Amino acid sequence: MSAIRKDDFGGRLPTQIESATADQLRQIIASQAKEGEDTKLTVMRGEGGAETITLSPALTESLMNLLRLVSGRQGFQMIPLSAELTTQQAADLLNVSRPYLIKLLEAGDIPYATVGRHRRIKAEDLFAYKARRDAERDEALSELAKMDAELLLKGY
């Protein structure tokens, strides 16, 4: 029988104790991590034996990001790329209204499937759209900054 009970952070923020524990674990992992290399951690088993665990750089970074959120007492959601989201969930993740999201779907900006009368969006497609949108915004902002600098040089 597992000693871990199902008490995740869905719908609640980390407690002060959870935050402090996450920060302690984050510091331990950070002290062992080297850029681009596997991270080796030795943990003690309940019966007294030690076991070495090897974390890949990607796993180390992901775990560190999760621990930063918990230690900062911030809420978070973990969404598998294969998950199918409702329109409301997708709108919430993009921080847009549901009607606006529906317009994006109907314009073909984000692929979706219809299940009965309901639209479902793959998380993978939503995140791809978000990355494209963010890149376009960054490019537009850079262009505006460039134009602003040119106008300043001209004395405006």
C-alpha atoms as a PDB file:
ATOM      1  CA  MET A   1       0.000   0.000   0.000  1.00  0.00           C
ATOM      2  CA  SER A   2       1.381   3.392  -1.004  1.00  0.00           C
ATOM      3  CA  ALA A   3       2.049   6.018   1.637  1.00  0.00           C
ATOM      4  CA  ILE A   4       1.182   8.735  -0.890  1.00  0.00           C
ATOM      5  CA  ARG A   5      -2.417   9.855  -0.787  1.00  0.00           C
ATOM      6  CA  LYS A   6      -4.225  11.655  -3.569  1.00  0.00           C
ATOM      7  CA  ASP A   7      -4.221  15.241  -2.359  1.00  0.00           C
ATOM      8  CA  ASP A   8      -3.005  17.303  -5.278  1.00  0.00           C
ATOM      9  CA  PHE A   9      -3.046  21.069  -5.769  1.00  0.00           C
ATOM     10  CA  GLY A  10      -6.150  21.055  -7.952  1.00  0.00           C
ATOM     11  CA  GLY A  11      -8.223  23.956  -6.721  1.00  0.00           C
ATOM     12  CA  ARG A  12      -5.994  24.963  -3.822  1.00  0.00           C
ATOM     13  CA  LEU A  13      -2.736  26.747  -3.145  1.00  0.00           C
ATOM     14  CA  PRO A  14       0.236  25.093  -1.442  1.00  0.00           C
ATOM     15  CA  THR A  15       0.387  25.411   2.335  1.00  0.00           C
ATOM     16  CA  GLN A  16       3.268  27.151   4.071  1.00  0.00           C
ATOM     17  CA  ILE A  17       4.769  23.782   5.043  1.00  0.00           C
ATOM     18  CA  GLU A  18       4.475  22.457   1.469  1.00  0.00           C
ATOM     19  CA  SER A  19       6.058  25.670   0.218  1.00  0.00           C
ATOM     20  CA  ALA A  20       9.003  25.375   2.611  1.00  0.00           C
ATOM     21  CA  THR A  21       9.508  21.684   1.770  1.00  0.00           C
ATOM     22  CA  ALA A  22       9.427  22.419  -1.975  1.00  0.00           C
ATOM     23  CA  ASP A  23      11.959  25.205  -1.522  1.00  0.00           C
ATOM     24  CA  GLN A  24      14.265  22.885   0.425  1.00  0.00           C
ATOM     25  CA  LEU A  25      14.031  20.205  -2.283  1.00  0.00           C
ATOM     26  CA  ARG A  26      14.557  22.825  -4.999  1.00  0.00           C
ATOM     27  CA  GLN A  27      17.741  24.003  -3.281  1.00  0.00           C
ATOM     28  CA  ILE A  28      19.030  20.431  -2.945  1.00  0.00           C
ATOM     29  CA  ILE A  29      18.437  19.709  -6.639  1.00  0.00           C
ATOM     30  CA  ALA A  30      19.910  23.072  -7.679  1.00  0.00           C
ATOM     31  CA  SER A  31      23.085  22.345  -5.682  1.00  0.00           C
ATOM     32  CA  GLN A  32      23.559  19.080  -7.618  1.00  0.00           C
ATOM     33  CA  ALA A  33      22.484  20.247 -11.087  1.00  0.00           C
ATOM     34  CA  LYS A  34      25.004  21.204 -13.749  1.00  0.00           C
ATOM     35  CA  GLU A  35      23.948  22.876 -17.000  1.00  0.00           C
ATOM     36  CA  GLY A  36      23.197  20.304 -19.714  1.00  0.00           C
ATOM     37  CA  GLU A  37      24.196  17.294 -17.586  1.00  0.00           C
ATOM     38  CA  ASP A  38      22.222  14.586 -15.814  1.00  0.00           C
ATOM     39  CA  THR A  39      21.538  15.267 -12.144  1.00  0.00           C
ATOM     40  CA  LYS A  40      22.204  12.431  -9.707  1.00  0.00           C
ATOM     41  CA  LEU A  41      20.348  12.367  -6.397  1.00  0.00           C
ATOM     42  CA  THR A  42      20.711   9.792  -3.643  1.00  0.00           C
ATOM     43  CA  VAL A  43      17.577   9.158  -1.620  1.00  0.00           C
ATOM     44  CA  MET A  44      17.028   7.016   1.431  1.00  0.00           C
ATOM     45  CA  ARG A  45      14.378   4.325   1.219  1.00  0.00           C
ATOM     46  CA  GLY A  46      12.022   3.726   4.128  1.00  0.00           C
ATOM     47  CA  GLU A  47      13.788   0.482   5.068  1.00  0.00           C
ATOM     48  CA  GLY A  48      17.136   2.232   5.288  1.00  0.00           C
ATOM     49  CA  GLY A  49      18.735   1.524   1.930  1.00  0.00           C
ATOM     50  CA  ALA A  50      19.978   4.299  -0.330  1.00  0.00           C
ATOM     51  CA  GLU A  51      19.105   4.585  -4.013  1.00  0.00           C
ATOM     52  CA  THR A  52      20.583   6.870  -6.658  1.00  0.00           C
ATOM     53  CA  ILE A  53      18.172   8.502  -9.085  1.00  0.00           C
ATOM     54  CA  THR A  54      19.376  10.076 -12.333  1.00  0.00           C
ATOM     55  CA  LEU A  55      17.369  13.001 -13.729  1.00  0.00           C
ATOM     56  CA  SER A  56      17.827  14.098 -17.335  1.00  0.00           C
ATOM     57  CA  PRO A  57      18.370  17.843 -17.903  1.00  0.00           C
ATOM     58  CA  ALA A  58      14.779  18.198 -19.188  1.00  0.00           C
ATOM     59  CA  LEU A  59      13.355  16.397 -16.160  1.00  0.00           C
ATOM     60  CA  THR A  60      15.541  18.449 -13.806  1.00  0.00           C
ATOM     61  CA  GLU A  61      14.327  21.710 -15.368  1.00  0.00           C
ATOM     62  CA  SER A  62      10.684  20.629 -15.296  1.00  0.00           C
ATOM     63  CA  LEU A  63      10.927  19.546 -11.677  1.00  0.00           C
ATOM     64  CA  MET A  64      12.675  22.802 -10.737  1.00  0.00           C
ATOM     65  CA  ASN A  65       9.897  24.824 -12.405  1.00  0.00           C
ATOM     66  CA  LEU A  66       7.252  22.872 -10.504  1.00  0.00           C
ATOM     67  CA  LEU A  67       9.113  23.318  -7.207  1.00  0.00           C
ATOM     68  CA  ARG A  68       9.480  27.080  -7.859  1.00  0.00           C
ATOM     69  CA  LEU A  69       5.709  27.358  -8.228  1.00  0.00           C
ATOM     70  CA  VAL A  70       5.015  25.384  -5.055  1.00  0.00           C
ATOM     71  CA  SER A  71       7.703  27.184  -3.025  1.00  0.00           C
ATOM     72  CA  GLY A  72       6.252  30.515  -4.227  1.00  0.00           C
ATOM     73  CA  ARG A  73       2.806  29.342  -3.047  1.00  0.00           C
ATOM     74  CA  GLN A  74       1.419  29.744  -6.547  1.00  0.00           C
ATOM     75  CA  GLY A  75      -1.303  27.658  -8.100  1.00  0.00           C
ATOM     76  CA  PHE A  76      -0.623  25.609 -11.203  1.00  0.00           C
ATOM     77  CA  GLN A  77      -2.156  23.046 -13.529  1.00  0.00           C
ATOM     78  CA  MET A  78      -0.466  20.167 -15.280  1.00  0.00           C
ATOM     79  CA  ILE A  79      -1.985  19.487 -18.676  1.00  0.00           C
ATOM     80  CA  PRO A  80      -0.775  16.620 -20.854  1.00  0.00           C
ATOM     81  CA  LEU A  81      -0.302  17.597 -24.501  1.00  0.00           C
ATOM     82  CA  SER A  82      -2.704  14.810 -25.452  1.00  0.00           C
ATOM     83  CA  ALA A  83      -5.514  16.210 -23.282  1.00  0.00           C
ATOM     84  CA  GLU A  84      -8.707  17.390 -24.936  1.00  0.00           C
ATOM     85  CA  LEU A  85      -9.937  20.671 -23.515  1.00  0.00           C
ATOM     86  CA  THR A  86     -13.372  22.242 -23.443  1.00  0.00           C
ATOM     87  CA  THR A  87     -13.757  25.652 -25.028  1.00  0.00           C
ATOM     88  CA  GLN A  88     -13.930  27.247 -21.571  1.00  0.00           C
ATOM     89  CA  GLN A  89     -10.727  25.545 -20.431  1.00  0.00           C
ATOM     90  CA  ALA A  90      -8.957  26.598 -23.641  1.00  0.00           C
ATOM     91  CA  ALA A  91     -10.227  30.184 -23.320  1.00  0.00           C
ATOM     92  CA  ASP A  92      -9.007  30.309 -19.721  1.00  0.00           C
ATOM     93  CA  LEU A  93      -5.542  29.077 -20.737  1.00  0.00           C
ATOM     94  CA  LEU A  94      -5.305  31.748 -23.448  1.00  0.00           C
ATOM     95  CA  ASN A  95      -6.779  34.364 -21.106  1.00  0.00           C
ATOM     96  CA  VAL A  96      -9.476  35.250 -23.633  1.00  0.00           C
ATOM     97  CA  SER A  97     -13.267  35.088 -23.554  1.00  0.00           C
ATOM     98  CA  ARG A  98     -15.012  31.934 -24.678  1.00  0.00           C
ATOM     99  CA  PRO A  99     -16.811  33.768 -27.548  1.00  0.00           C
ATOM    100  CA  TYR A 100     -13.451  35.073 -28.792  1.00  0.00           C
ATOM    101  CA  LEU A 101     -12.010  31.544 -28.678  1.00  0.00           C
ATOM    102  CA  ILE A 102     -15.006  30.270 -30.687  1.00  0.00           C
ATOM    103  CA  LYS A 103     -14.201  32.893 -33.357  1.00  0.00           C
ATOM    104  CA  LEU A 104     -10.599  31.641 -33.471  1.00  0.00           C
ATOM    105  CA  LEU A 105     -11.821  28.072 -33.865  1.00  0.00           C
ATOM    106  CA  GLU A 106     -14.312  28.940 -36.599  1.00  0.00           C
ATOM    107  CA  ALA A 107     -11.667  31.009 -38.436  1.00  0.00           C
ATOM    108  CA  GLY A 108      -9.435  27.917 -38.506  1.00  0.00           C
ATOM    109  CA  ASP A 109      -6.716  29.459 -36.330  1.00  0.00           C
ATOM    110  CA  ILE A 110      -6.889  26.543 -33.887  1.00  0.00           C
ATOM    111  CA  PRO A 111      -7.877  23.004 -34.934  1.00  0.00           C
ATOM    112  CA  TYR A 112     -10.696  21.359 -33.011  1.00  0.00           C
ATOM    113  CA  ALA A 113     -12.957  18.330 -33.070  1.00  0.00           C
ATOM    114  CA  THR A 114     -16.663  18.163 -32.436  1.00  0.00           C
ATOM    115  CA  VAL A 115     -17.952  15.623 -29.926  1.00  0.00           C
ATOM    116  CA  GLY A 116     -21.712  15.645 -30.170  1.00  0.00           C
ATOM    117  CA  ARG A 117     -22.500  19.342 -30.068  1.00  0.00           C
ATOM    118  CA  HIS A 118     -19.369  20.251 -28.119  1.00  0.00           C
ATOM    119  CA  ARG A 119     -16.030  21.434 -29.439  1.00  0.00           C
ATOM    120  CA  ARG A 120     -12.844  19.889 -28.061  1.00  0.00           C
ATOM    121  CA  ILE A 121      -9.366  21.344 -28.514  1.00  0.00           C
ATOM    122  CA  LYS A 122      -6.201  19.290 -28.147  1.00  0.00           C
ATOM    123  CA  ALA A 123      -3.869  20.925 -25.637  1.00  0.00           C
ATOM    124  CA  GLU A 124      -1.024  20.394 -28.106  1.00  0.00           C
ATOM    125  CA  ASP A 125      -2.841  22.479 -30.758  1.00  0.00           C
ATOM    126  CA  LEU A 126      -3.739  25.175 -28.234  1.00  0.00           C
ATOM    127  CA  PHE A 127      -0.144  25.490 -27.039  1.00  0.00           C
ATOM    128  CA  ALA A 128       1.089  25.634 -30.651  1.00  0.00           C
ATOM    129  CA  TYR A 129      -1.354  28.490 -31.359  1.00  0.00           C
ATOM    130  CA  LYS A 130      -0.252  30.268 -28.183  1.00  0.00           C
ATOM    131  CA  ALA A 131       3.421  29.968 -29.183  1.00  0.00           C
ATOM    132  CA  ARG A 132       2.646  31.395 -32.656  1.00  0.00           C
ATOM    133  CA  ARG A 133       0.595  34.222 -31.143  1.00  0.00           C
ATOM    134  CA  ASP A 134       3.318  35.082 -28.645  1.00  0.00           C
ATOM    135  CA  ALA A 135       5.988  35.061 -31.369  1.00  0.00           C
ATOM    136  CA  GLU A 136       3.874  37.397 -33.536  1.00  0.00           C
ATOM    137  CA  ARG A 137       3.369  39.727 -30.572  1.00  0.00           C
ATOM    138  CA  ASP A 138       7.100  39.744 -29.811  1.00  0.00           C
ATOM    139  CA  GLU A 139       7.867  40.549 -33.450  1.00  0.00           C
ATOM    140  CA  ALA A 140       5.314  43.371 -33.519  1.00  0.00           C
ATOM    141  CA  LEU A 141       6.659  44.791 -30.260  1.00  0.00           C
ATOM    142  CA  SER A 142      10.225  44.686 -31.595  1.00  0.00           C
ATOM    143  CA  GLU A 143       9.087  46.497 -34.744  1.00  0.00           C
ATOM    144  CA  LEU A 144       7.352  49.177 -32.659  1.00  0.00           C
ATOM    145  CA  ALA A 145      10.473  49.634 -30.527  1.00  0.00           C
ATOM    146  CA  LYS A 146      12.567  49.964 -33.679  1.00  0.00           C
ATOM    147  CA  MET A 147      10.180  52.591 -35.099  1.00  0.00           C
ATOM    148  CA  ASP A 148      10.221  54.454 -31.780  1.00  0.00           C
ATOM    149  CA  ALA A 149      14.032  54.524 -31.761  1.00  0.00           C
ATOM    150  CA  GLU A 150      14.079  55.829 -35.343  1.00  0.00           C
ATOM    151  CA  LEU A 151      11.633  58.593 -34.460  1.00  0.00           C
ATOM    152  CA  LEU A 152      13.715  59.571 -31.424  1.00  0.00           C
ATOM    153  CA  LEU A 153      16.791  59.840 -33.654  1.00  0.00           C
ATOM    154  CA  LYS A 154      14.840  62.145 -35.985  1.00  0.00           C
ATOM    155  CA  GLY A 155      13.973  64.392 -33.034  1.00  0.00           C
ATOM    156  CA  TYR A 156      10.301  63.544 -32.546  1.00  0.00           C
END
